[in-house]
């Protein structure tokens, strides 16, 4: 995981990242969010309407910064990629302020005591419309197409800006770290399939919810797929030596890992093991995993 860069971070400032896109950084930096969640305002700067993607945390200063970026435009839609607490809680107060509908991912609340290396789920999210894969939202000079990308969460969507070739990737592909996949909702098989789905596309740039814009998206996605396959092969090799619990893999797979990240590493290994089990390659007996 990358280190959080030194301050100052440009929170509360509308940064024009391409002609149809402004980015506003929320003041919620953490080991899970990097410098914070990036909200995007899509539409012509002097146009009549716009859309807001991933409004972020319910923070008054951040909501005020989004309002300033919207300026006098009508908000046609508030669109959420998924419902972790750093992405969707501002949707409801922003909808109240602007009168805009909340559209995008399906609602999802998962209560779990398992260790996480991401944010918990937003219990307040209530969309006016759930977008299916390929459905679109349109405005003056902009078109956003939903691209279903389950894996990080089962309800994750990306949004493609048809006019520029940009893809808003939420947490599926980020500009600072590999996305975490945590069972029971996170699914490694779905995640890998979603990465392959993006490899088949021709998006020119990714705007993620955390980190810098990704200017060579296919190169990054290819590397992510390779990294996950390498981890999978490592798990199979270690299991061929002896049966193990998920925790038993950590010392061999994550040399010198920060103790605070051990629980998250175990969940990542578990996600791989569950996927291997679904494919008939390993079996589980209690807490023990073994090859078949």
C-alpha atoms as a PDB file:
ATOM      1  CA  UNK A   1       0.000   0.000   0.000  1.00  0.00           C
ATOM      2  CA  UNK A   2       1.352   3.438  -0.932  1.00  0.00           C
ATOM      3  CA  UNK A   3       2.288   5.993   1.662  1.00  0.00           C
ATOM      4  CA  UNK A   4       0.023   9.022   1.993  1.00  0.00           C
ATOM      5  CA  UNK A   5       1.926  11.983   0.511  1.00  0.00           C
ATOM      6  CA  UNK A   6       2.749  15.034   2.572  1.00  0.00           C
ATOM      7  CA  UNK A   7       0.281  17.879   2.919  1.00  0.00           C
ATOM      8  CA  UNK A   8      -1.028  20.196   1.642  1.00  0.00           C
ATOM      9  CA  UNK A   9      -3.749  18.322  -0.211  1.00  0.00           C
ATOM     10  CA  UNK A  10      -6.033  20.385  -2.478  1.00  0.00           C
ATOM     11  CA  UNK A  11      -9.265  19.673  -0.614  1.00  0.00           C
ATOM     12  CA  UNK A  12     -12.296  21.789  -1.378  1.00  0.00           C
ATOM     13  CA  UNK A  13     -10.947  23.025  -4.722  1.00  0.00           C
ATOM     14  CA  UNK A  14     -12.595  22.294  -8.077  1.00  0.00           C
ATOM     15  CA  UNK A  15      -9.795  21.052 -10.327  1.00  0.00           C
ATOM     16  CA  UNK A  16     -10.579  20.923 -14.067  1.00  0.00           C
ATOM     17  CA  UNK A  17      -9.060  17.584 -15.125  1.00  0.00           C
ATOM     18  CA  UNK A  18     -10.503  17.566 -18.662  1.00  0.00           C
ATOM     19  CA  UNK A  19     -12.994  19.794 -20.510  1.00  0.00           C
ATOM     20  CA  UNK A  20     -16.089  17.992 -19.207  1.00  0.00           C
ATOM     21  CA  UNK A  21     -14.752  16.956 -15.784  1.00  0.00           C
ATOM     22  CA  UNK A  22     -14.042  18.737 -12.497  1.00  0.00           C
ATOM     23  CA  UNK A  23     -12.554  16.918  -9.499  1.00  0.00           C
ATOM     24  CA  UNK A  24     -13.141  17.867  -5.847  1.00  0.00           C
ATOM     25  CA  UNK A  25     -11.082  16.147  -3.139  1.00  0.00           C
ATOM     26  CA  UNK A  26     -12.844  15.368   0.150  1.00  0.00           C
ATOM     27  CA  UNK A  27     -11.057  15.986   3.477  1.00  0.00           C
ATOM     28  CA  UNK A  28     -11.073  12.319   4.526  1.00  0.00           C
ATOM     29  CA  UNK A  29      -7.498  11.017   4.131  1.00  0.00           C
ATOM     30  CA  UNK A  30      -6.740   7.621   5.669  1.00  0.00           C
ATOM     31  CA  UNK A  31      -4.800   4.409   5.001  1.00  0.00           C
ATOM     32  CA  UNK A  32      -7.956   3.252   3.167  1.00  0.00           C
ATOM     33  CA  UNK A  33      -8.670   6.411   1.135  1.00  0.00           C
ATOM     34  CA  UNK A  34      -5.173   7.795   0.398  1.00  0.00           C
ATOM     35  CA  UNK A  35      -5.469  11.629   0.347  1.00  0.00           C
ATOM     36  CA  UNK A  36      -9.273  11.339   0.370  1.00  0.00           C
ATOM     37  CA  UNK A  37     -12.243  10.528  -1.854  1.00  0.00           C
ATOM     38  CA  UNK A  38     -12.367  12.299  -5.202  1.00  0.00           C
ATOM     39  CA  UNK A  39     -15.791  13.516  -6.299  1.00  0.00           C
ATOM     40  CA  UNK A  40     -16.281  14.285  -9.992  1.00  0.00           C
ATOM     41  CA  UNK A  41     -18.621  16.867 -11.520  1.00  0.00           C
ATOM     42  CA  UNK A  42     -19.325  16.020 -15.178  1.00  0.00           C
ATOM     43  CA  UNK A  43     -20.696  18.508 -17.687  1.00  0.00           C
ATOM     44  CA  UNK A  44     -19.834  21.638 -19.638  1.00  0.00           C
ATOM     45  CA  UNK A  45     -18.469  24.258 -17.249  1.00  0.00           C
ATOM     46  CA  UNK A  46     -20.781  26.919 -18.727  1.00  0.00           C
ATOM     47  CA  UNK A  47     -23.552  24.439 -19.579  1.00  0.00           C
ATOM     48  CA  UNK A  48     -27.022  24.144 -18.075  1.00  0.00           C
ATOM     49  CA  UNK A  49     -26.606  20.780 -16.343  1.00  0.00           C
ATOM     50  CA  UNK A  50     -24.157  18.294 -14.839  1.00  0.00           C
ATOM     51  CA  UNK A  51     -23.826  15.019 -12.947  1.00  0.00           C
ATOM     52  CA  UNK A  52     -21.986  14.352  -9.682  1.00  0.00           C
ATOM     53  CA  UNK A  53     -20.096  11.052  -9.343  1.00  0.00           C
ATOM     54  CA  UNK A  54     -19.258   9.627  -5.898  1.00  0.00           C
ATOM     55  CA  UNK A  55     -20.336  12.575  -3.715  1.00  0.00           C
ATOM     56  CA  UNK A  56     -18.209  11.187  -0.874  1.00  0.00           C
ATOM     57  CA  UNK A  57     -18.587  11.531   2.902  1.00  0.00           C
ATOM     58  CA  UNK A  58     -21.329  13.567   4.547  1.00  0.00           C
ATOM     59  CA  UNK A  59     -18.975  16.426   5.371  1.00  0.00           C
ATOM     60  CA  UNK A  60     -20.390  19.991   5.254  1.00  0.00           C
ATOM     61  CA  UNK A  61     -17.171  21.488   3.878  1.00  0.00           C
ATOM     62  CA  UNK A  62     -16.991  18.908   1.110  1.00  0.00           C
ATOM     63  CA  UNK A  63     -20.650  19.315   0.186  1.00  0.00           C
ATOM     64  CA  UNK A  64     -20.117  23.097   0.027  1.00  0.00           C
ATOM     65  CA  UNK A  65     -17.140  22.546  -2.284  1.00  0.00           C
ATOM     66  CA  UNK A  66     -19.256  20.341  -4.561  1.00  0.00           C
ATOM     67  CA  UNK A  67     -21.960  23.042  -4.622  1.00  0.00           C
ATOM     68  CA  UNK A  68     -19.343  25.604  -5.659  1.00  0.00           C
ATOM     69  CA  UNK A  69     -18.162  23.332  -8.484  1.00  0.00           C
ATOM     70  CA  UNK A  70     -21.748  22.825  -9.650  1.00  0.00           C
ATOM     71  CA  UNK A  71     -22.164  26.615  -9.696  1.00  0.00           C
ATOM     72  CA  UNK A  72     -25.494  27.529 -11.340  1.00  0.00           C
ATOM     73  CA  UNK A  73     -25.988  24.248 -13.202  1.00  0.00           C
ATOM     74  CA  UNK A  74     -28.895  21.876 -12.663  1.00  0.00           C
ATOM     75  CA  UNK A  75     -27.725  18.556 -11.252  1.00  0.00           C
ATOM     76  CA  UNK A  76     -29.286  15.873 -13.449  1.00  0.00           C
ATOM     77  CA  UNK A  77     -28.023  12.966 -11.346  1.00  0.00           C
ATOM     78  CA  UNK A  78     -25.972  12.102  -8.288  1.00  0.00           C
ATOM     79  CA  UNK A  79     -24.238   8.859  -9.256  1.00  0.00           C
ATOM     80  CA  UNK A  80     -22.554   6.383  -6.887  1.00  0.00           C
ATOM     81  CA  UNK A  81     -20.122   3.639  -7.888  1.00  0.00           C
ATOM     82  CA  UNK A  82     -20.700   1.681  -4.655  1.00  0.00           C
ATOM     83  CA  UNK A  83     -21.848   2.177  -1.089  1.00  0.00           C
ATOM     84  CA  UNK A  84     -18.769   2.287   1.105  1.00  0.00           C
ATOM     85  CA  UNK A  85     -18.934   5.152   3.602  1.00  0.00           C
ATOM     86  CA  UNK A  86     -16.296   7.225   1.833  1.00  0.00           C
ATOM     87  CA  UNK A  87     -18.326   7.272  -1.407  1.00  0.00           C
ATOM     88  CA  UNK A  88     -22.091   7.610  -0.973  1.00  0.00           C
ATOM     89  CA  UNK A  89     -23.174   9.261   2.334  1.00  0.00           C
ATOM     90  CA  UNK A  90     -23.162  12.780   0.838  1.00  0.00           C
ATOM     91  CA  UNK A  91     -25.705  11.665  -1.779  1.00  0.00           C
ATOM     92  CA  UNK A  92     -28.734  12.241   0.462  1.00  0.00           C
ATOM     93  CA  UNK A  93     -27.851  15.766   1.705  1.00  0.00           C
ATOM     94  CA  UNK A  94     -26.694  16.802  -1.775  1.00  0.00           C
ATOM     95  CA  UNK A  95     -29.959  15.516  -3.257  1.00  0.00           C
ATOM     96  CA  UNK A  96     -31.872  17.546  -0.684  1.00  0.00           C
ATOM     97  CA  UNK A  97     -29.930  20.683  -1.616  1.00  0.00           C
ATOM     98  CA  UNK A  98     -30.164  20.261  -5.392  1.00  0.00           C
ATOM     99  CA  UNK A  99     -33.341  18.260  -5.942  1.00  0.00           C
ATOM    100  CA  UNK A 100     -31.351  15.775  -8.047  1.00  0.00           C
ATOM    101  CA  UNK A 101     -32.145  12.050  -8.138  1.00  0.00           C
ATOM    102  CA  UNK A 102     -29.653   9.560  -6.726  1.00  0.00           C
ATOM    103  CA  UNK A 103     -28.849   6.930  -9.350  1.00  0.00           C
ATOM    104  CA  UNK A 104     -26.231   4.277  -9.929  1.00  0.00           C
ATOM    105  CA  UNK A 105     -25.343   1.247  -7.836  1.00  0.00           C
ATOM    106  CA  UNK A 106     -27.837  -0.873  -5.938  1.00  0.00           C
ATOM    107  CA  UNK A 107     -28.130  -0.450  -2.154  1.00  0.00           C
ATOM    108  CA  UNK A 108     -25.989  -2.832  -0.131  1.00  0.00           C
ATOM    109  CA  UNK A 109     -25.457  -3.055   3.605  1.00  0.00           C
ATOM    110  CA  UNK A 110     -23.271  -5.786   5.023  1.00  0.00           C
ATOM    111  CA  UNK A 111     -22.752  -6.184   8.747  1.00  0.00           C
ATOM    112  CA  UNK A 112     -19.592  -8.099   9.548  1.00  0.00           C
ATOM    113  CA  UNK A 113     -17.151  -8.323  12.424  1.00  0.00           C
ATOM    114  CA  UNK A 114     -14.409  -9.564  10.094  1.00  0.00           C
ATOM    115  CA  UNK A 115     -11.267  -7.396   9.788  1.00  0.00           C
ATOM    116  CA  UNK A 116     -11.460  -4.939   6.897  1.00  0.00           C
ATOM    117  CA  UNK A 117      -8.941  -2.950   4.901  1.00  0.00           C
ATOM    118  CA  UNK A 118     -11.568  -0.652   3.398  1.00  0.00           C
ATOM    119  CA  UNK A 119     -14.501   1.422   4.604  1.00  0.00           C
ATOM    120  CA  UNK A 120     -17.696  -0.064   6.042  1.00  0.00           C
ATOM    121  CA  UNK A 121     -20.980   0.158   4.155  1.00  0.00           C
ATOM    122  CA  UNK A 122     -23.246   3.220   4.056  1.00  0.00           C
ATOM    123  CA  UNK A 123     -26.592   2.438   5.696  1.00  0.00           C
ATOM    124  CA  UNK A 124     -28.206   5.700   4.493  1.00  0.00           C
ATOM    125  CA  UNK A 125     -27.956   5.113   0.747  1.00  0.00           C
ATOM    126  CA  UNK A 126     -31.366   5.006  -0.960  1.00  0.00           C
ATOM    127  CA  UNK A 127     -31.163   5.362  -4.756  1.00  0.00           C
ATOM    128  CA  UNK A 128     -34.053   6.695  -6.798  1.00  0.00           C
ATOM    129  CA  UNK A 129     -32.911   4.520  -9.687  1.00  0.00           C
ATOM    130  CA  UNK A 130     -30.508   1.586  -9.965  1.00  0.00           C
ATOM    131  CA  UNK A 131     -28.573   1.453 -13.227  1.00  0.00           C
ATOM    132  CA  UNK A 132     -28.005  -1.846 -14.990  1.00  0.00           C
ATOM    133  CA  UNK A 133     -24.950  -2.589 -17.117  1.00  0.00           C
ATOM    134  CA  UNK A 134     -25.113  -0.444 -20.255  1.00  0.00           C
ATOM    135  CA  UNK A 135     -27.790   1.985 -19.034  1.00  0.00           C
ATOM    136  CA  UNK A 136     -27.077   5.667 -19.572  1.00  0.00           C
ATOM    137  CA  UNK A 137     -27.612   9.087 -18.038  1.00  0.00           C
ATOM    138  CA  UNK A 138     -27.492  12.017 -20.459  1.00  0.00           C
ATOM    139  CA  UNK A 139     -27.120  15.762 -20.252  1.00  0.00           C
ATOM    140  CA  UNK A 140     -26.055  18.661 -22.430  1.00  0.00           C
ATOM    141  CA  UNK A 141     -22.923  17.443 -24.181  1.00  0.00           C
ATOM    142  CA  UNK A 142     -22.311  14.477 -21.883  1.00  0.00           C
ATOM    143  CA  UNK A 143     -23.337  10.824 -21.700  1.00  0.00           C
ATOM    144  CA  UNK A 144     -22.471   8.479 -18.829  1.00  0.00           C
ATOM    145  CA  UNK A 145     -22.818   4.720 -19.345  1.00  0.00           C
ATOM    146  CA  UNK A 146     -22.919   2.266 -16.436  1.00  0.00           C
ATOM    147  CA  UNK A 147     -20.323  -0.504 -16.605  1.00  0.00           C
ATOM    148  CA  UNK A 148     -21.002  -3.271 -14.073  1.00  0.00           C
ATOM    149  CA  UNK A 149     -17.739  -4.210 -12.318  1.00  0.00           C
ATOM    150  CA  UNK A 150     -18.536  -6.423  -9.307  1.00  0.00           C
ATOM    151  CA  UNK A 151     -15.703  -7.785  -7.196  1.00  0.00           C
ATOM    152  CA  UNK A 152     -14.529  -5.098  -4.779  1.00  0.00           C
ATOM    153  CA  UNK A 153     -18.205  -5.069  -3.805  1.00  0.00           C
ATOM    154  CA  UNK A 154     -21.055  -6.929  -5.472  1.00  0.00           C
ATOM    155  CA  UNK A 155     -22.800  -3.655  -6.379  1.00  0.00           C
ATOM    156  CA  UNK A 156     -19.816  -1.824  -7.899  1.00  0.00           C
ATOM    157  CA  UNK A 157     -20.291   0.182 -11.099  1.00  0.00           C
ATOM    158  CA  UNK A 158     -17.938   2.219 -13.240  1.00  0.00           C
ATOM    159  CA  UNK A 159     -19.207   5.066 -15.427  1.00  0.00           C
ATOM    160  CA  UNK A 160     -17.951   5.707 -18.974  1.00  0.00           C
ATOM    161  CA  UNK A 161     -17.970   9.259 -20.315  1.00  0.00           C
ATOM    162  CA  UNK A 162     -18.730   8.573 -23.971  1.00  0.00           C
ATOM    163  CA  UNK A 163     -17.682  11.992 -25.278  1.00  0.00           C
ATOM    164  CA  UNK A 164     -14.083  11.813 -24.026  1.00  0.00           C
ATOM    165  CA  UNK A 165     -13.333   8.119 -23.552  1.00  0.00           C
ATOM    166  CA  UNK A 166     -12.783   8.514 -19.805  1.00  0.00           C
ATOM    167  CA  UNK A 167     -13.901   5.882 -17.313  1.00  0.00           C
ATOM    168  CA  UNK A 168     -14.740   6.704 -13.697  1.00  0.00           C
ATOM    169  CA  UNK A 169     -13.524   3.574 -11.921  1.00  0.00           C
ATOM    170  CA  UNK A 170     -14.462   4.188  -8.279  1.00  0.00           C
ATOM    171  CA  UNK A 171     -12.489   1.662  -6.233  1.00  0.00           C
ATOM    172  CA  UNK A 172     -12.330  -1.067  -8.888  1.00  0.00           C
ATOM    173  CA  UNK A 173      -9.099   0.339 -10.339  1.00  0.00           C
ATOM    174  CA  UNK A 174      -7.376   3.069  -8.331  1.00  0.00           C
ATOM    175  CA  UNK A 175      -4.476   5.423  -8.964  1.00  0.00           C
ATOM    176  CA  UNK A 176      -2.663   4.624  -5.746  1.00  0.00           C
ATOM    177  CA  UNK A 177      -3.201   1.009  -4.646  1.00  0.00           C
ATOM    178  CA  UNK A 178      -4.683  -2.328  -5.618  1.00  0.00           C
ATOM    179  CA  UNK A 179      -8.371  -2.667  -4.787  1.00  0.00           C
ATOM    180  CA  UNK A 180      -9.154  -4.882  -1.805  1.00  0.00           C
ATOM    181  CA  UNK A 181     -11.501  -7.862  -2.163  1.00  0.00           C
ATOM    182  CA  UNK A 182     -12.988  -8.913   1.147  1.00  0.00           C
ATOM    183  CA  UNK A 183     -15.484 -11.782   1.551  1.00  0.00           C
ATOM    184  CA  UNK A 184     -18.314 -12.401   2.004  1.00  0.00           C
ATOM    185  CA  UNK A 185     -19.454  -9.624  -0.349  1.00  0.00           C
ATOM    186  CA  UNK A 186     -16.153  -9.117  -2.146  1.00  0.00           C
ATOM    187  CA  UNK A 187     -15.619 -11.868  -4.711  1.00  0.00           C
ATOM    188  CA  UNK A 188     -12.238 -12.592  -6.304  1.00  0.00           C
ATOM    189  CA  UNK A 189     -13.720 -14.430  -9.298  1.00  0.00           C
ATOM    190  CA  UNK A 190     -16.030 -11.497 -10.045  1.00  0.00           C
ATOM    191  CA  UNK A 191     -13.175  -9.054  -9.531  1.00  0.00           C
ATOM    192  CA  UNK A 192     -10.931 -10.832 -12.024  1.00  0.00           C
ATOM    193  CA  UNK A 193     -13.778 -11.078 -14.547  1.00  0.00           C
ATOM    194  CA  UNK A 194     -14.388  -7.333 -14.164  1.00  0.00           C
ATOM    195  CA  UNK A 195     -10.696  -6.603 -14.800  1.00  0.00           C
ATOM    196  CA  UNK A 196     -10.845  -8.731 -17.957  1.00  0.00           C
ATOM    197  CA  UNK A 197     -13.963  -6.800 -18.957  1.00  0.00           C
ATOM    198  CA  UNK A 198     -12.038  -3.521 -18.720  1.00  0.00           C
ATOM    199  CA  UNK A 199      -9.160  -5.007 -20.721  1.00  0.00           C
ATOM    200  CA  UNK A 200     -11.598  -5.551 -23.588  1.00  0.00           C
ATOM    201  CA  UNK A 201     -12.586  -1.861 -23.571  1.00  0.00           C
ATOM    202  CA  UNK A 202     -10.798   1.073 -25.196  1.00  0.00           C
ATOM    203  CA  UNK A 203     -11.068   3.730 -22.478  1.00  0.00           C
ATOM    204  CA  UNK A 204      -8.429   6.449 -22.851  1.00  0.00           C
ATOM    205  CA  UNK A 205      -8.031   7.397 -19.179  1.00  0.00           C
ATOM    206  CA  UNK A 206      -9.314   6.265 -15.789  1.00  0.00           C
ATOM    207  CA  UNK A 207     -10.458   8.741 -13.141  1.00  0.00           C
ATOM    208  CA  UNK A 208     -10.535   6.768  -9.897  1.00  0.00           C
ATOM    209  CA  UNK A 209     -11.929   7.731  -6.519  1.00  0.00           C
ATOM    210  CA  UNK A 210      -8.446   7.759  -4.976  1.00  0.00           C
ATOM    211  CA  UNK A 211      -5.143   8.801  -6.513  1.00  0.00           C
ATOM    212  CA  UNK A 212      -3.955  10.306  -9.766  1.00  0.00           C
ATOM    213  CA  UNK A 213      -5.569   9.850 -13.161  1.00  0.00           C
ATOM    214  CA  UNK A 214      -4.461   6.638 -14.882  1.00  0.00           C
ATOM    215  CA  UNK A 215      -3.121   7.603 -18.313  1.00  0.00           C
ATOM    216  CA  UNK A 216      -2.211   4.061 -19.427  1.00  0.00           C
ATOM    217  CA  UNK A 217      -5.218   2.074 -18.224  1.00  0.00           C
ATOM    218  CA  UNK A 218      -4.659  -1.172 -20.110  1.00  0.00           C
ATOM    219  CA  UNK A 219      -1.070  -1.372 -18.941  1.00  0.00           C
ATOM    220  CA  UNK A 220      -2.153  -0.975 -15.316  1.00  0.00           C
ATOM    221  CA  UNK A 221      -5.028  -3.465 -15.584  1.00  0.00           C
ATOM    222  CA  UNK A 222      -2.755  -6.020 -17.246  1.00  0.00           C
ATOM    223  CA  UNK A 223      -0.355  -5.637 -14.333  1.00  0.00           C
ATOM    224  CA  UNK A 224      -3.171  -6.007 -11.800  1.00  0.00           C
ATOM    225  CA  UNK A 225      -4.349  -9.228 -13.414  1.00  0.00           C
ATOM    226  CA  UNK A 226      -0.784 -10.544 -13.407  1.00  0.00           C
ATOM    227  CA  UNK A 227      -0.327  -9.638  -9.746  1.00  0.00           C
ATOM    228  CA  UNK A 228      -3.477 -11.497  -8.723  1.00  0.00           C
ATOM    229  CA  UNK A 229      -2.506 -14.558 -10.770  1.00  0.00           C
ATOM    230  CA  UNK A 230       0.909 -14.501  -9.128  1.00  0.00           C
ATOM    231  CA  UNK A 231      -0.723 -14.461  -5.681  1.00  0.00           C
ATOM    232  CA  UNK A 232      -3.018 -17.322  -6.670  1.00  0.00           C
ATOM    233  CA  UNK A 233      -0.077 -19.418  -7.910  1.00  0.00           C
ATOM    234  CA  UNK A 234       1.793 -18.658  -4.708  1.00  0.00           C
ATOM    235  CA  UNK A 235      -1.139 -19.897  -2.620  1.00  0.00           C
ATOM    236  CA  UNK A 236      -1.432 -23.123  -4.628  1.00  0.00           C
ATOM    237  CA  UNK A 237       2.315 -23.756  -4.347  1.00  0.00           C
ATOM    238  CA  UNK A 238       2.370 -23.202  -0.580  1.00  0.00           C
ATOM    239  CA  UNK A 239      -0.691 -25.400  -0.134  1.00  0.00           C
ATOM    240  CA  UNK A 240       0.983 -28.192  -2.099  1.00  0.00           C
ATOM    241  CA  UNK A 241       3.634 -28.281   0.626  1.00  0.00           C
ATOM    242  CA  UNK A 242       1.090 -28.697   3.417  1.00  0.00           C
ATOM    243  CA  UNK A 243      -2.506 -27.892   4.320  1.00  0.00           C
ATOM    244  CA  UNK A 244      -2.865 -24.482   5.959  1.00  0.00           C
ATOM    245  CA  UNK A 245      -5.220 -22.018   7.588  1.00  0.00           C
ATOM    246  CA  UNK A 246      -5.546 -18.631   5.889  1.00  0.00           C
ATOM    247  CA  UNK A 247      -3.312 -17.138   8.589  1.00  0.00           C
ATOM    248  CA  UNK A 248      -0.588 -19.699   7.868  1.00  0.00           C
ATOM    249  CA  UNK A 249      -0.001 -18.230   4.405  1.00  0.00           C
ATOM    250  CA  UNK A 250       0.851 -14.749   5.653  1.00  0.00           C
ATOM    251  CA  UNK A 251       4.468 -15.176   6.849  1.00  0.00           C
ATOM    252  CA  UNK A 252       5.496 -16.728   3.519  1.00  0.00           C
ATOM    253  CA  UNK A 253       3.479 -14.426   1.267  1.00  0.00           C
ATOM    254  CA  UNK A 254       3.870 -11.056   2.980  1.00  0.00           C
ATOM    255  CA  UNK A 255       7.427 -10.666   4.255  1.00  0.00           C
ATOM    256  CA  UNK A 256       7.800  -7.842   6.782  1.00  0.00           C
ATOM    257  CA  UNK A 257       4.109  -6.935   6.700  1.00  0.00           C
ATOM    258  CA  UNK A 258       2.948  -4.217   9.094  1.00  0.00           C
ATOM    259  CA  UNK A 259       1.108  -5.993  11.915  1.00  0.00           C
ATOM    260  CA  UNK A 260      -1.845  -3.659  11.455  1.00  0.00           C
ATOM    261  CA  UNK A 261      -2.385  -5.112   7.967  1.00  0.00           C
ATOM    262  CA  UNK A 262      -2.236  -8.800   8.876  1.00  0.00           C
ATOM    263  CA  UNK A 263      -6.021  -9.148   9.217  1.00  0.00           C
ATOM    264  CA  UNK A 264      -6.572  -7.535   5.828  1.00  0.00           C
ATOM    265  CA  UNK A 265      -3.955  -9.794   4.232  1.00  0.00           C
ATOM    266  CA  UNK A 266      -5.729 -12.856   5.659  1.00  0.00           C
ATOM    267  CA  UNK A 267      -9.002 -11.694   4.097  1.00  0.00           C
ATOM    268  CA  UNK A 268      -7.307 -11.218   0.720  1.00  0.00           C
ATOM    269  CA  UNK A 269      -5.878 -14.739   0.909  1.00  0.00           C
ATOM    270  CA  UNK A 270      -9.317 -16.022   1.926  1.00  0.00           C
ATOM    271  CA  UNK A 271     -10.866 -14.367  -1.137  1.00  0.00           C
ATOM    272  CA  UNK A 272      -8.390 -16.244  -3.343  1.00  0.00           C
ATOM    273  CA  UNK A 273      -9.046 -19.520  -1.491  1.00  0.00           C
ATOM    274  CA  UNK A 274     -12.820 -19.197  -1.895  1.00  0.00           C
ATOM    275  CA  UNK A 275     -12.356 -18.570  -5.619  1.00  0.00           C
ATOM    276  CA  UNK A 276     -10.075 -21.618  -5.932  1.00  0.00           C
ATOM    277  CA  UNK A 277     -12.668 -23.666  -4.030  1.00  0.00           C
ATOM    278  CA  UNK A 278     -15.429 -22.586  -6.434  1.00  0.00           C
ATOM    279  CA  UNK A 279     -13.222 -23.744  -9.295  1.00  0.00           C
ATOM    280  CA  UNK A 280     -12.763 -27.150  -7.681  1.00  0.00           C
ATOM    281  CA  UNK A 281      -9.034 -26.752  -7.014  1.00  0.00           C
ATOM    282  CA  UNK A 282      -8.987 -26.690  -3.204  1.00  0.00           C
ATOM    283  CA  UNK A 283     -11.122 -27.929  -0.342  1.00  0.00           C
ATOM    284  CA  UNK A 284     -11.853 -26.567   3.134  1.00  0.00           C
ATOM    285  CA  UNK A 285     -12.103 -28.640   6.293  1.00  0.00           C
ATOM    286  CA  UNK A 286     -12.941 -26.364   9.203  1.00  0.00           C
ATOM    287  CA  UNK A 287     -10.279 -23.660   9.108  1.00  0.00           C
ATOM    288  CA  UNK A 288      -7.868 -25.802   7.118  1.00  0.00           C
ATOM    289  CA  UNK A 289      -7.436 -25.451   3.352  1.00  0.00           C
ATOM    290  CA  UNK A 290      -5.834 -28.153   1.204  1.00  0.00           C
ATOM    291  CA  UNK A 291      -5.368 -28.961  -2.468  1.00  0.00           C
ATOM    292  CA  UNK A 292      -7.589 -31.544  -4.139  1.00  0.00           C
END
